[in-house]
Amino acid sequence: MEEIEITSWMTLDSIKKSKSAEIVESVGNLQTDHSMSVFCVIEDDFLELCYSDSATNCLRRYDDRAEFEAALEERKEEEGEAPYEEDEDRDYDEDEEEEEEEEEVEFKGGEDESEAY
């Protein structure tokens, strides 16, 4: 990864608005946070445009797509935008059905005992 300090948001905006720039994703929000990263691809270059209202702005260039995607995921985690990882095998509807069946069995068991007396 290479990093270049940028002094002006206008420079970053120029890169972002370039016709050849493909915006992949934006992470963060300058309205609510103090920084925002825009991940984009220009030809064979994988770039992160880092906007900041308190620190230095910068342009980061990644060597390949894997490094670029890893940085994107890292930024999402830092900003709290990473998706919540949930147990994919868990079927909540199935659990509710099992609980209902267990309650029915307990209820029927109670009736059978009262009839025996």
PDB file of N, CA and C in Angstrom:
ATOM      1  N   MET A   1       0.840  -1.168   0.000  1.00  0.00           N
ATOM      2  CA  MET A   1       0.000   0.000   0.000  1.00  0.00           C
ATOM      3  C   MET A   1       0.895   1.244   0.000  1.00  0.00           C
ATOM      4  N   GLU A   2       0.493   2.188  -0.797  1.00  0.00           N
ATOM      5  CA  GLU A   2       1.160   3.487  -0.826  1.00  0.00           C
ATOM      6  C   GLU A   2       0.179   4.534  -0.323  1.00  0.00           C
ATOM      7  N   GLU A   3       0.679   5.538   0.385  1.00  0.00           N
ATOM      8  CA  GLU A   3      -0.191   6.587   0.913  1.00  0.00           C
ATOM      9  C   GLU A   3       0.392   7.944   0.578  1.00  0.00           C
ATOM     10  N   ILE A   4      -0.475   8.816   0.046  1.00  0.00           N
ATOM     11  CA  ILE A   4      -0.064  10.176  -0.302  1.00  0.00           C
ATOM     12  C   ILE A   4      -0.947  11.145   0.467  1.00  0.00           C
ATOM     13  N   GLU A   5      -0.319  12.109   1.135  1.00  0.00           N
ATOM     14  CA  GLU A   5      -1.082  13.121   1.865  1.00  0.00           C
ATOM     15  C   GLU A   5      -1.689  14.105   0.872  1.00  0.00           C
ATOM     16  N   ILE A   6      -2.967  14.409   1.071  1.00  0.00           N
ATOM     17  CA  ILE A   6      -3.702  15.347   0.214  1.00  0.00           C
ATOM     18  C   ILE A   6      -4.186  16.480   1.106  1.00  0.00           C
ATOM     19  N   THR A   7      -3.944  17.711   0.700  1.00  0.00           N
ATOM     20  CA  THR A   7      -4.317  18.836   1.559  1.00  0.00           C
ATOM     21  C   THR A   7      -5.737  19.342   1.322  1.00  0.00           C
ATOM     22  N   SER A   8      -6.316  19.012   0.187  1.00  0.00           N
ATOM     23  CA  SER A   8      -7.617  19.590  -0.144  1.00  0.00           C
ATOM     24  C   SER A   8      -8.642  18.521  -0.502  1.00  0.00           C
ATOM     25  N   TRP A   9      -9.858  18.733  -0.031  1.00  0.00           N
ATOM     26  CA  TRP A   9     -10.955  17.852  -0.411  1.00  0.00           C
ATOM     27  C   TRP A   9     -11.235  17.970  -1.904  1.00  0.00           C
ATOM     28  N   MET A  10     -10.960  19.121  -2.469  1.00  0.00           N
ATOM     29  CA  MET A  10     -11.212  19.329  -3.904  1.00  0.00           C
ATOM     30  C   MET A  10     -10.399  18.358  -4.754  1.00  0.00           C
ATOM     31  N   THR A  11      -9.195  18.075  -4.335  1.00  0.00           N
ATOM     32  CA  THR A  11      -8.360  17.118  -5.064  1.00  0.00           C
ATOM     33  C   THR A  11      -8.985  15.735  -5.004  1.00  0.00           C
ATOM     34  N   LEU A  12      -9.416  15.335  -3.809  1.00  0.00           N
ATOM     35  CA  LEU A  12     -10.068  14.032  -3.661  1.00  0.00           C
ATOM     36  C   LEU A  12     -11.371  13.981  -4.464  1.00  0.00           C
ATOM     37  N   ASP A  13     -12.141  15.058  -4.437  1.00  0.00           N
ATOM     38  CA  ASP A  13     -13.388  15.122  -5.208  1.00  0.00           C
ATOM     39  C   ASP A  13     -13.122  14.984  -6.705  1.00  0.00           C
ATOM     40  N   SER A  14     -12.049  15.589  -7.190  1.00  0.00           N
ATOM     41  CA  SER A  14     -11.697  15.501  -8.610  1.00  0.00           C
ATOM     42  C   SER A  14     -11.429  14.059  -9.009  1.00  0.00           C
ATOM     43  N   ILE A  15     -10.724  13.351  -8.166  1.00  0.00           N
ATOM     44  CA  ILE A  15     -10.426  11.943  -8.442  1.00  0.00           C
ATOM     45  C   ILE A  15     -11.720  11.134  -8.423  1.00  0.00           C
ATOM     46  N   LYS A  16     -12.543  11.383  -7.405  1.00  0.00           N
ATOM     47  CA  LYS A  16     -13.797  10.642  -7.245  1.00  0.00           C
ATOM     48  C   LYS A  16     -14.747  10.872  -8.419  1.00  0.00           C
ATOM     49  N   LYS A  17     -14.778  12.081  -8.947  1.00  0.00           N
ATOM     50  CA  LYS A  17     -15.707  12.427 -10.026  1.00  0.00           C
ATOM     51  C   LYS A  17     -15.150  12.148 -11.414  1.00  0.00           C
ATOM     52  N   SER A  18     -13.952  11.607 -11.463  1.00  0.00           N
ATOM     53  CA  SER A  18     -13.345  11.259 -12.737  1.00  0.00           C
ATOM     54  C   SER A  18     -14.228  10.263 -13.485  1.00  0.00           C
ATOM     55  N   LYS A  19     -14.327  10.421 -14.797  1.00  0.00           N
ATOM     56  CA  LYS A  19     -15.181   9.530 -15.602  1.00  0.00           C
ATOM     57  C   LYS A  19     -14.722   8.085 -15.539  1.00  0.00           C
ATOM     58  N   SER A  20     -13.443   7.877 -15.347  1.00  0.00           N
ATOM     59  CA  SER A  20     -12.927   6.512 -15.323  1.00  0.00           C
ATOM     60  C   SER A  20     -12.987   5.880 -13.933  1.00  0.00           C
ATOM     61  N   ALA A  21     -13.402   6.627 -12.923  1.00  0.00           N
ATOM     62  CA  ALA A  21     -13.456   6.097 -11.553  1.00  0.00           C
ATOM     63  C   ALA A  21     -14.737   5.297 -11.340  1.00  0.00           C
ATOM     64  N   GLU A  22     -14.563   4.085 -10.889  1.00  0.00           N
ATOM     65  CA  GLU A  22     -15.690   3.227 -10.517  1.00  0.00           C
ATOM     66  C   GLU A  22     -15.751   3.191  -8.989  1.00  0.00           C
ATOM     67  N   ILE A  23     -16.783   3.821  -8.416  1.00  0.00           N
ATOM     68  CA  ILE A  23     -16.931   3.851  -6.959  1.00  0.00           C
ATOM     69  C   ILE A  23     -17.430   2.487  -6.500  1.00  0.00           C
ATOM     70  N   VAL A  24     -16.672   1.851  -5.620  1.00  0.00           N
ATOM     71  CA  VAL A  24     -17.044   0.542  -5.099  1.00  0.00           C
ATOM     72  C   VAL A  24     -17.936   0.712  -3.880  1.00  0.00           C
ATOM     73  N   GLU A  25     -17.493   1.548  -2.933  1.00  0.00           N
ATOM     74  CA  GLU A  25     -18.267   1.768  -1.710  1.00  0.00           C
ATOM     75  C   GLU A  25     -17.707   2.946  -0.932  1.00  0.00           C
ATOM     76  N   SER A  26     -18.598   3.596  -0.179  1.00  0.00           N
ATOM     77  CA  SER A  26     -18.189   4.664   0.739  1.00  0.00           C
ATOM     78  C   SER A  26     -18.443   4.189   2.155  1.00  0.00           C
ATOM     79  N   VAL A  27     -17.499   4.473   3.036  1.00  0.00           N
ATOM     80  CA  VAL A  27     -17.605   4.059   4.435  1.00  0.00           C
ATOM     81  C   VAL A  27     -17.424   5.292   5.306  1.00  0.00           C
ATOM     82  N   GLY A  28     -18.326   5.474   6.262  1.00  0.00           N
ATOM     83  CA  GLY A  28     -18.252   6.635   7.141  1.00  0.00           C
ATOM     84  C   GLY A  28     -19.109   7.761   6.615  1.00  0.00           C
ATOM     85  N   ASN A  29     -19.194   8.826   7.407  1.00  0.00           N
ATOM     86  CA  ASN A  29     -20.032   9.954   7.054  1.00  0.00           C
ATOM     87  C   ASN A  29     -19.453  11.194   7.730  1.00  0.00           C
ATOM     88  N   LEU A  30     -19.141  12.192   6.938  1.00  0.00           N
ATOM     89  CA  LEU A  30     -18.563  13.412   7.506  1.00  0.00           C
ATOM     90  C   LEU A  30     -19.581  14.218   8.300  1.00  0.00           C
ATOM     91  N   GLN A  31     -20.871  13.972   8.100  1.00  0.00           N
ATOM     92  CA  GLN A  31     -21.904  14.674   8.852  1.00  0.00           C
ATOM     93  C   GLN A  31     -21.954  14.191  10.307  1.00  0.00           C
ATOM     94  N   THR A  32     -21.790  12.885  10.491  1.00  0.00           N
ATOM     95  CA  THR A  32     -21.908  12.319  11.838  1.00  0.00           C
ATOM     96  C   THR A  32     -20.569  11.866  12.419  1.00  0.00           C
ATOM     97  N   ASP A  33     -19.642  11.481  11.564  1.00  0.00           N
ATOM     98  CA  ASP A  33     -18.322  11.029  12.013  1.00  0.00           C
ATOM     99  C   ASP A  33     -17.299  12.111  11.676  1.00  0.00           C
ATOM    100  N   HIS A  34     -16.057  11.806  11.895  1.00  0.00           N
ATOM    101  CA  HIS A  34     -15.009  12.765  11.558  1.00  0.00           C
ATOM    102  C   HIS A  34     -14.212  12.333  10.336  1.00  0.00           C
ATOM    103  N   SER A  35     -14.649  11.220   9.715  1.00  0.00           N
ATOM    104  CA  SER A  35     -13.922  10.757   8.543  1.00  0.00           C
ATOM    105  C   SER A  35     -14.838   9.970   7.614  1.00  0.00           C
ATOM    106  N   MET A  36     -14.384   9.851   6.368  1.00  0.00           N
ATOM    107  CA  MET A  36     -15.100   9.079   5.371  1.00  0.00           C
ATOM    108  C   MET A  36     -14.078   8.535   4.389  1.00  0.00           C
ATOM    109  N   SER A  37     -14.255   7.295   3.990  1.00  0.00           N
ATOM    110  CA  SER A  37     -13.386   6.691   2.990  1.00  0.00           C
ATOM    111  C   SER A  37     -14.227   6.305   1.789  1.00  0.00           C
ATOM    112  N   VAL A  38     -13.722   6.653   0.614  1.00  0.00           N
ATOM    113  CA  VAL A  38     -14.375   6.278  -0.634  1.00  0.00           C
ATOM    114  C   VAL A  38     -13.433   5.311  -1.334  1.00  0.00           C
ATOM    115  N   PHE A  39     -13.919   4.098  -1.566  1.00  0.00           N
ATOM    116  CA  PHE A  39     -13.122   3.082  -2.235  1.00  0.00           C
ATOM    117  C   PHE A  39     -13.508   3.075  -3.707  1.00  0.00           C
ATOM    118  N   CYS A  40     -12.507   3.216  -4.577  1.00  0.00           N
ATOM    119  CA  CYS A  40     -12.794   3.261  -6.006  1.00  0.00           C
ATOM    120  C   CYS A  40     -11.681   2.575  -6.797  1.00  0.00           C
ATOM    121  N   VAL A  41     -12.030   2.243  -8.032  1.00  0.00           N
ATOM    122  CA  VAL A  41     -11.081   1.610  -8.939  1.00  0.00           C
ATOM    123  C   VAL A  41     -10.974   2.500 -10.170  1.00  0.00           C
ATOM    124  N   ILE A  42      -9.745   2.838 -10.540  1.00  0.00           N
ATOM    125  CA  ILE A  42      -9.481   3.587 -11.767  1.00  0.00           C
ATOM    126  C   ILE A  42      -8.488   2.760 -12.568  1.00  0.00           C
ATOM    127  N   GLU A  43      -8.974   2.248 -13.692  1.00  0.00           N
ATOM    128  CA  GLU A  43      -8.207   1.338 -14.538  1.00  0.00           C
ATOM    129  C   GLU A  43      -7.700   0.165 -13.698  1.00  0.00           C
ATOM    130  N   ASP A  44      -6.404   0.045 -13.470  1.00  0.00           N
ATOM    131  CA  ASP A  44      -5.845  -1.062 -12.686  1.00  0.00           C
ATOM    132  C   ASP A  44      -5.456  -0.642 -11.275  1.00  0.00           C
ATOM    133  N   ASP A  45      -5.854   0.553 -10.863  1.00  0.00           N
ATOM    134  CA  ASP A  45      -5.488   1.075  -9.549  1.00  0.00           C
ATOM    135  C   ASP A  45      -6.656   0.947  -8.573  1.00  0.00           C
ATOM    136  N   PHE A  46      -6.373   0.397  -7.409  1.00  0.00           N
ATOM    137  CA  PHE A  46      -7.359   0.246  -6.337  1.00  0.00           C
ATOM    138  C   PHE A  46      -7.068   1.334  -5.312  1.00  0.00           C
ATOM    139  N   LEU A  47      -7.987   2.293  -5.174  1.00  0.00           N
ATOM    140  CA  LEU A  47      -7.739   3.489  -4.377  1.00  0.00           C
ATOM    141  C   LEU A  47      -8.726   3.654  -3.230  1.00  0.00           C
ATOM    142  N   GLU A  48      -8.237   4.263  -2.164  1.00  0.00           N
ATOM    143  CA  GLU A  48      -9.072   4.692  -1.049  1.00  0.00           C
ATOM    144  C   GLU A  48      -8.847   6.194  -0.880  1.00  0.00           C
ATOM    145  N   LEU A  49      -9.917   6.957  -1.020  1.00  0.00           N
ATOM    146  CA  LEU A  49      -9.852   8.399  -0.829  1.00  0.00           C
ATOM    147  C   LEU A  49     -10.307   8.674   0.598  1.00  0.00           C
ATOM    148  N   CYS A  50      -9.415   9.178   1.430  1.00  0.00           N
ATOM    149  CA  CYS A  50      -9.704   9.370   2.850  1.00  0.00           C
ATOM    150  C   CYS A  50      -9.967  10.843   3.146  1.00  0.00           C
ATOM    151  N   TYR A  51     -11.214  11.138   3.456  1.00  0.00           N
ATOM    152  CA  TYR A  51     -11.615  12.503   3.824  1.00  0.00           C
ATOM    153  C   TYR A  51     -11.628  12.587   5.345  1.00  0.00           C
ATOM    154  N   SER A  52     -11.170  13.702   5.886  1.00  0.00           N
ATOM    155  CA  SER A  52     -11.182  13.890   7.328  1.00  0.00           C
ATOM    156  C   SER A  52     -11.430  15.362   7.649  1.00  0.00           C
ATOM    157  N   ASP A  53     -12.210  15.603   8.702  1.00  0.00           N
ATOM    158  CA  ASP A  53     -12.424  17.001   9.084  1.00  0.00           C
ATOM    159  C   ASP A  53     -11.486  17.430  10.209  1.00  0.00           C
ATOM    160  N   SER A  54     -10.737  16.485  10.774  1.00  0.00           N
ATOM    161  CA  SER A  54      -9.831  16.863  11.854  1.00  0.00           C
ATOM    162  C   SER A  54      -8.379  16.475  11.579  1.00  0.00           C
ATOM    163  N   ALA A  55      -8.170  15.399  10.857  1.00  0.00           N
ATOM    164  CA  ALA A  55      -6.804  14.947  10.581  1.00  0.00           C
ATOM    165  C   ALA A  55      -6.466  15.208   9.107  1.00  0.00           C
ATOM    166  N   THR A  56      -5.371  14.650   8.683  1.00  0.00           N
ATOM    167  CA  THR A  56      -4.908  14.838   7.321  1.00  0.00           C
ATOM    168  C   THR A  56      -5.688  13.950   6.349  1.00  0.00           C
ATOM    169  N   ASN A  57      -6.016  14.484   5.200  1.00  0.00           N
ATOM    170  CA  ASN A  57      -6.642  13.716   4.132  1.00  0.00           C
ATOM    171  C   ASN A  57      -5.548  12.947   3.404  1.00  0.00           C
ATOM    172  N   CYS A  58      -5.935  11.828   2.806  1.00  0.00           N
ATOM    173  CA  CYS A  58      -4.918  11.085   2.073  1.00  0.00           C
ATOM    174  C   CYS A  58      -5.540  10.248   0.958  1.00  0.00           C
ATOM    175  N   LEU A  59      -4.680   9.770   0.091  1.00  0.00           N
ATOM    176  CA  LEU A  59      -5.025   8.863  -0.988  1.00  0.00           C
ATOM    177  C   LEU A  59      -4.200   7.607  -0.754  1.00  0.00           C
ATOM    178  N   ARG A  60      -4.866   6.466  -0.682  1.00  0.00           N
ATOM    179  CA  ARG A  60      -4.151   5.199  -0.509  1.00  0.00           C
ATOM    180  C   ARG A  60      -4.333   4.356  -1.759  1.00  0.00           C
ATOM    181  N   ARG A  61      -3.239   3.812  -2.232  1.00  0.00           N
ATOM    182  CA  ARG A  61      -3.264   2.927  -3.397  1.00  0.00           C
ATOM    183  C   ARG A  61      -2.856   1.536  -2.945  1.00  0.00           C
ATOM    184  N   TYR A  62      -3.714   0.556  -3.258  1.00  0.00           N
ATOM    185  CA  TYR A  62      -3.464  -0.828  -2.854  1.00  0.00           C
ATOM    186  C   TYR A  62      -2.883  -1.616  -4.024  1.00  0.00           C
ATOM    187  N   ASP A  63      -2.063  -2.608  -3.702  1.00  0.00           N
ATOM    188  CA  ASP A  63      -1.345  -3.379  -4.716  1.00  0.00           C
ATOM    189  C   ASP A  63      -2.256  -4.288  -5.538  1.00  0.00           C
ATOM    190  N   ASP A  64      -3.285  -4.843  -4.897  1.00  0.00           N
ATOM    191  CA  ASP A  64      -4.176  -5.751  -5.613  1.00  0.00           C
ATOM    192  C   ASP A  64      -5.576  -5.739  -5.008  1.00  0.00           C
ATOM    193  N   ARG A  65      -6.482  -6.434  -5.649  1.00  0.00           N
ATOM    194  CA  ARG A  65      -7.880  -6.446  -5.222  1.00  0.00           C
ATOM    195  C   ARG A  65      -8.021  -7.041  -3.812  1.00  0.00           C
ATOM    196  N   ALA A  66      -7.274  -8.063  -3.473  1.00  0.00           N
ATOM    197  CA  ALA A  66      -7.369  -8.694  -2.154  1.00  0.00           C
ATOM    198  C   ALA A  66      -7.011  -7.703  -1.040  1.00  0.00           C
ATOM    199  N   GLU A  67      -5.938  -6.972  -1.221  1.00  0.00           N
ATOM    200  CA  GLU A  67      -5.524  -5.978  -0.233  1.00  0.00           C
ATOM    201  C   GLU A  67      -6.575  -4.859  -0.133  1.00  0.00           C
ATOM    202  N   PHE A  68      -7.115  -4.469  -1.284  1.00  0.00           N
ATOM    203  CA  PHE A  68      -8.156  -3.438  -1.373  1.00  0.00           C
ATOM    204  C   PHE A  68      -9.404  -3.866  -0.594  1.00  0.00           C
ATOM    205  N   GLU A  69      -9.872  -5.091  -0.824  1.00  0.00           N
ATOM    206  CA  GLU A  69     -11.068  -5.591  -0.150  1.00  0.00           C
ATOM    207  C   GLU A  69     -10.840  -5.780   1.350  1.00  0.00           C
ATOM    208  N   ALA A  70      -9.628  -6.191   1.730  1.00  0.00           N
ATOM    209  CA  ALA A  70      -9.305  -6.327   3.152  1.00  0.00           C
ATOM    210  C   ALA A  70      -9.364  -4.961   3.844  1.00  0.00           C
ATOM    211  N   ALA A  71      -8.851  -3.933   3.171  1.00  0.00           N
ATOM    212  CA  ALA A  71      -8.891  -2.573   3.738  1.00  0.00           C
ATOM    213  C   ALA A  71     -10.330  -2.075   3.840  1.00  0.00           C
ATOM    214  N   LEU A  72     -11.153  -2.395   2.865  1.00  0.00           N
ATOM    215  CA  LEU A  72     -12.566  -2.009   2.888  1.00  0.00           C
ATOM    216  C   LEU A  72     -13.270  -2.635   4.089  1.00  0.00           C
ATOM    217  N   GLU A  73     -13.057  -3.928   4.302  1.00  0.00           N
ATOM    218  CA  GLU A  73     -13.666  -4.606   5.448  1.00  0.00           C
ATOM    219  C   GLU A  73     -13.149  -4.044   6.774  1.00  0.00           C
ATOM    220  N   GLU A  74     -11.866  -3.736   6.836  1.00  0.00           N
ATOM    221  CA  GLU A  74     -11.272  -3.153   8.041  1.00  0.00           C
ATOM    222  C   GLU A  74     -11.906  -1.794   8.358  1.00  0.00           C
ATOM    223  N   ARG A  75     -12.090  -0.982   7.326  1.00  0.00           N
ATOM    224  CA  ARG A  75     -12.713   0.337   7.512  1.00  0.00           C
ATOM    225  C   ARG A  75     -14.149   0.188   7.990  1.00  0.00           C
ATOM    226  N   LYS A  76     -14.875  -0.779   7.441  1.00  0.00           N
ATOM    227  CA  LYS A  76     -16.266  -1.025   7.861  1.00  0.00           C
ATOM    228  C   LYS A  76     -16.312  -1.396   9.341  1.00  0.00           C
ATOM    229  N   GLU A  77     -15.392  -2.246   9.773  1.00  0.00           N
ATOM    230  CA  GLU A  77     -15.346  -2.647  11.179  1.00  0.00           C
ATOM    231  C   GLU A  77     -15.028  -1.449  12.069  1.00  0.00           C
ATOM    232  N   GLU A  78     -14.097  -0.616  11.642  1.00  0.00           N
ATOM    233  CA  GLU A  78     -13.731   0.576  12.422  1.00  0.00           C
ATOM    234  C   GLU A  78     -14.921   1.516  12.574  1.00  0.00           C
ATOM    235  N   GLU A  79     -15.730   1.636  11.535  1.00  0.00           N
ATOM    236  CA  GLU A  79     -16.870   2.555  11.539  1.00  0.00           C
ATOM    237  C   GLU A  79     -18.143   1.899  12.070  1.00  0.00           C
ATOM    238  N   GLY A  80     -18.068   0.616  12.385  1.00  0.00           N
ATOM    239  CA  GLY A  80     -19.246  -0.083  12.889  1.00  0.00           C
ATOM    240  C   GLY A  80     -20.247  -0.400  11.798  1.00  0.00           C
ATOM    241  N   GLU A  81     -19.804  -0.478  10.561  1.00  0.00           N
ATOM    242  CA  GLU A  81     -20.702  -0.764   9.449  1.00  0.00           C
ATOM    243  C   GLU A  81     -20.599  -2.208   8.974  1.00  0.00           C
ATOM    244  N   ALA A  82     -19.737  -2.994   9.597  1.00  0.00           N
ATOM    245  CA  ALA A  82     -19.610  -4.383   9.188  1.00  0.00           C
ATOM    246  C   ALA A  82     -20.878  -5.131   9.567  1.00  0.00           C
ATOM    247  N   PRO A  83     -21.318  -6.035   8.703  1.00  0.00           N
ATOM    248  CA  PRO A  83     -22.551  -6.776   9.022  1.00  0.00           C
ATOM    249  C   PRO A  83     -22.363  -7.665  10.235  1.00  0.00           C
ATOM    250  N   TYR A  84     -23.430  -7.810  11.002  1.00  0.00           N
ATOM    251  CA  TYR A  84     -23.409  -8.675  12.173  1.00  0.00           C
ATOM    252  C   TYR A  84     -23.315 -10.116  11.698  1.00  0.00           C
ATOM    253  N   GLU A  85     -22.319 -10.824  12.166  1.00  0.00           N
ATOM    254  CA  GLU A  85     -22.159 -12.210  11.765  1.00  0.00           C
ATOM    255  C   GLU A  85     -23.022 -13.081  12.650  1.00  0.00           C
ATOM    256  N   GLU A  86     -23.888 -13.799  12.009  1.00  0.00           N
ATOM    257  CA  GLU A  86     -24.872 -14.601  12.703  1.00  0.00           C
ATOM    258  C   GLU A  86     -24.692 -16.048  12.286  1.00  0.00           C
ATOM    259  N   ASP A  87     -25.044 -16.961  13.146  1.00  0.00           N
ATOM    260  CA  ASP A  87     -24.959 -18.370  12.827  1.00  0.00           C
ATOM    261  C   ASP A  87     -25.922 -18.649  11.676  1.00  0.00           C
ATOM    262  N   GLU A  88     -25.374 -18.958  10.504  1.00  0.00           N
ATOM    263  CA  GLU A  88     -26.206 -19.130   9.319  1.00  0.00           C
ATOM    264  C   GLU A  88     -27.063 -20.387   9.387  1.00  0.00           C
ATOM    265  N   ASP A  89     -26.678 -21.362  10.195  1.00  0.00           N
ATOM    266  CA  ASP A  89     -27.439 -22.601  10.276  1.00  0.00           C
ATOM    267  C   ASP A  89     -28.674 -22.459  11.152  1.00  0.00           C
ATOM    268  N   ARG A  90     -28.753 -21.397  11.868  1.00  0.00           N
ATOM    269  CA  ARG A  90     -29.844 -21.209  12.825  1.00  0.00           C
ATOM    270  C   ARG A  90     -31.132 -20.873  12.088  1.00  0.00           C
ATOM    271  N   ASP A  91     -32.191 -21.634  12.370  1.00  0.00           N
ATOM    272  CA  ASP A  91     -33.505 -21.403  11.775  1.00  0.00           C
ATOM    273  C   ASP A  91     -34.453 -21.066  12.914  1.00  0.00           C
ATOM    274  N   TYR A  92     -34.747 -19.781  13.069  1.00  0.00           N
ATOM    275  CA  TYR A  92     -35.556 -19.331  14.194  1.00  0.00           C
ATOM    276  C   TYR A  92     -36.995 -19.820  14.103  1.00  0.00           C
ATOM    277  N   ASP A  93     -37.545 -19.946  12.899  1.00  0.00           N
ATOM    278  CA  ASP A  93     -38.910 -20.455  12.752  1.00  0.00           C
ATOM    279  C   ASP A  93     -38.986 -21.889  13.248  1.00  0.00           C
ATOM    280  N   GLU A  94     -37.967 -22.668  12.940  1.00  0.00           N
ATOM    281  CA  GLU A  94     -37.931 -24.055  13.360  1.00  0.00           C
ATOM    282  C   GLU A  94     -37.870 -24.148  14.885  1.00  0.00           C
ATOM    283  N   ASP A  95     -37.095 -23.263  15.533  1.00  0.00           N
ATOM    284  CA  ASP A  95     -36.999 -23.263  16.993  1.00  0.00           C
ATOM    285  C   ASP A  95     -38.343 -22.950  17.625  1.00  0.00           C
ATOM    286  N   GLU A  96     -39.084 -22.001  17.057  1.00  0.00           N
ATOM    287  CA  GLU A  96     -40.396 -21.658  17.592  1.00  0.00           C
ATOM    288  C   GLU A  96     -41.346 -22.842  17.485  1.00  0.00           C
ATOM    289  N   GLU A  97     -41.299 -23.570  16.354  1.00  0.00           N
ATOM    290  CA  GLU A  97     -42.155 -24.734  16.169  1.00  0.00           C
ATOM    291  C   GLU A  97     -41.829 -25.806  17.213  1.00  0.00           C
ATOM    292  N   GLU A  98     -40.529 -26.027  17.477  1.00  0.00           N
ATOM    293  CA  GLU A  98     -40.126 -27.019  18.466  1.00  0.00           C
ATOM    294  C   GLU A  98     -40.630 -26.639  19.855  1.00  0.00           C
ATOM    295  N   GLU A  99     -40.548 -25.355  20.218  1.00  0.00           N
ATOM    296  CA  GLU A  99     -41.025 -24.901  21.523  1.00  0.00           C
ATOM    297  C   GLU A  99     -42.526 -25.105  21.651  1.00  0.00           C
ATOM    298  N   GLU A 100     -43.271 -24.819  20.587  1.00  0.00           N
ATOM    299  CA  GLU A 100     -44.726 -25.005  20.611  1.00  0.00           C
ATOM    300  C   GLU A 100     -45.063 -26.471  20.786  1.00  0.00           C
ATOM    301  N   GLU A 101     -44.326 -27.360  20.091  1.00  0.00           N
ATOM    302  CA  GLU A 101     -44.565 -28.794  20.215  1.00  0.00           C
ATOM    303  C   GLU A 101     -44.289 -29.268  21.640  1.00  0.00           C
ATOM    304  N   GLU A 102     -43.206 -28.765  22.248  1.00  0.00           N
ATOM    305  CA  GLU A 102     -42.874 -29.142  23.616  1.00  0.00           C
ATOM    306  C   GLU A 102     -43.966 -28.697  24.580  1.00  0.00           C
ATOM    307  N   GLU A 103     -44.513 -27.495  24.384  1.00  0.00           N
ATOM    308  CA  GLU A 103     -45.588 -26.994  25.240  1.00  0.00           C
ATOM    309  C   GLU A 103     -46.833 -27.844  25.088  1.00  0.00           C
ATOM    310  N   GLU A 104     -47.144 -28.277  23.854  1.00  0.00           N
ATOM    311  CA  GLU A 104     -48.315 -29.122  23.620  1.00  0.00           C
ATOM    312  C   GLU A 104     -48.146 -30.461  24.319  1.00  0.00           C
ATOM    313  N   VAL A 105     -46.953 -31.040  24.249  1.00  0.00           N
ATOM    314  CA  VAL A 105     -46.701 -32.331  24.890  1.00  0.00           C
ATOM    315  C   VAL A 105     -46.860 -32.196  26.400  1.00  0.00           C
ATOM    316  N   GLU A 106     -46.323 -31.118  26.987  1.00  0.00           N
ATOM    317  CA  GLU A 106     -46.454 -30.904  28.427  1.00  0.00           C
ATOM    318  C   GLU A 106     -47.915 -30.733  28.806  1.00  0.00           C
ATOM    319  N   PHE A 107     -48.673 -30.004  28.010  1.00  0.00           N
ATOM    320  CA  PHE A 107     -50.076 -29.762  28.296  1.00  0.00           C
ATOM    321  C   PHE A 107     -50.863 -31.069  28.206  1.00  0.00           C
ATOM    322  N   LYS A 108     -50.620 -31.875  27.179  1.00  0.00           N
ATOM    323  CA  LYS A 108     -51.305 -33.159  27.027  1.00  0.00           C
ATOM    324  C   LYS A 108     -50.933 -34.101  28.157  1.00  0.00           C
ATOM    325  N   GLY A 109     -49.680 -34.066  28.568  1.00  0.00           N
ATOM    326  CA  GLY A 109     -49.237 -34.919  29.668  1.00  0.00           C
ATOM    327  C   GLY A 109     -49.996 -34.582  30.937  1.00  0.00           C
ATOM    328  N   GLY A 110     -50.264 -33.332  31.173  1.00  0.00           N
ATOM    329  CA  GLY A 110     -51.012 -32.898  32.349  1.00  0.00           C
ATOM    330  C   GLY A 110     -52.443 -33.389  32.310  1.00  0.00           C
ATOM    331  N   GLU A 111     -53.082 -33.418  31.142  1.00  0.00           N
ATOM    332  CA  GLU A 111     -54.463 -33.891  31.013  1.00  0.00           C
ATOM    333  C   GLU A 111     -54.543 -35.371  31.288  1.00  0.00           C
ATOM    334  N   ASP A 112     -53.566 -36.112  30.728  1.00  0.00           N
ATOM    335  CA  ASP A 112     -53.591 -37.555  30.889  1.00  0.00           C
ATOM    336  C   ASP A 112     -53.472 -37.942  32.355  1.00  0.00           C
ATOM    337  N   GLU A 113     -52.650 -37.241  33.111  1.00  0.00           N
ATOM    338  CA  GLU A 113     -52.470 -37.556  34.529  1.00  0.00           C
ATOM    339  C   GLU A 113     -53.744 -37.274  35.302  1.00  0.00           C
ATOM    340  N   SER A 114     -54.475 -36.205  34.974  1.00  0.00           N
ATOM    341  CA  SER A 114     -55.690 -35.882  35.719  1.00  0.00           C
ATOM    342  C   SER A 114     -56.796 -36.893  35.426  1.00  0.00           C
ATOM    343  N   GLU A 115     -56.811 -37.464  34.237  1.00  0.00           N
ATOM    344  CA  GLU A 115     -57.817 -38.460  33.901  1.00  0.00           C
ATOM    345  C   GLU A 115     -57.547 -39.765  34.636  1.00  0.00           C
ATOM    346  N   ALA A 116     -56.271 -40.035  34.926  1.00  0.00           N
ATOM    347  CA  ALA A 116     -55.912 -41.282  35.602  1.00  0.00           C
ATOM    348  C   ALA A 116     -56.393 -41.296  37.048  1.00  0.00           C
ATOM    349  N   TYR A 117     -56.577 -40.148  37.655  1.00  0.00           N
ATOM    350  CA  TYR A 117     -56.978 -40.112  39.055  1.00  0.00           C
ATOM    351  C   TYR A 117     -58.417 -40.285  39.167  1.00  0.00           C
TER     352      TYR A 117
END
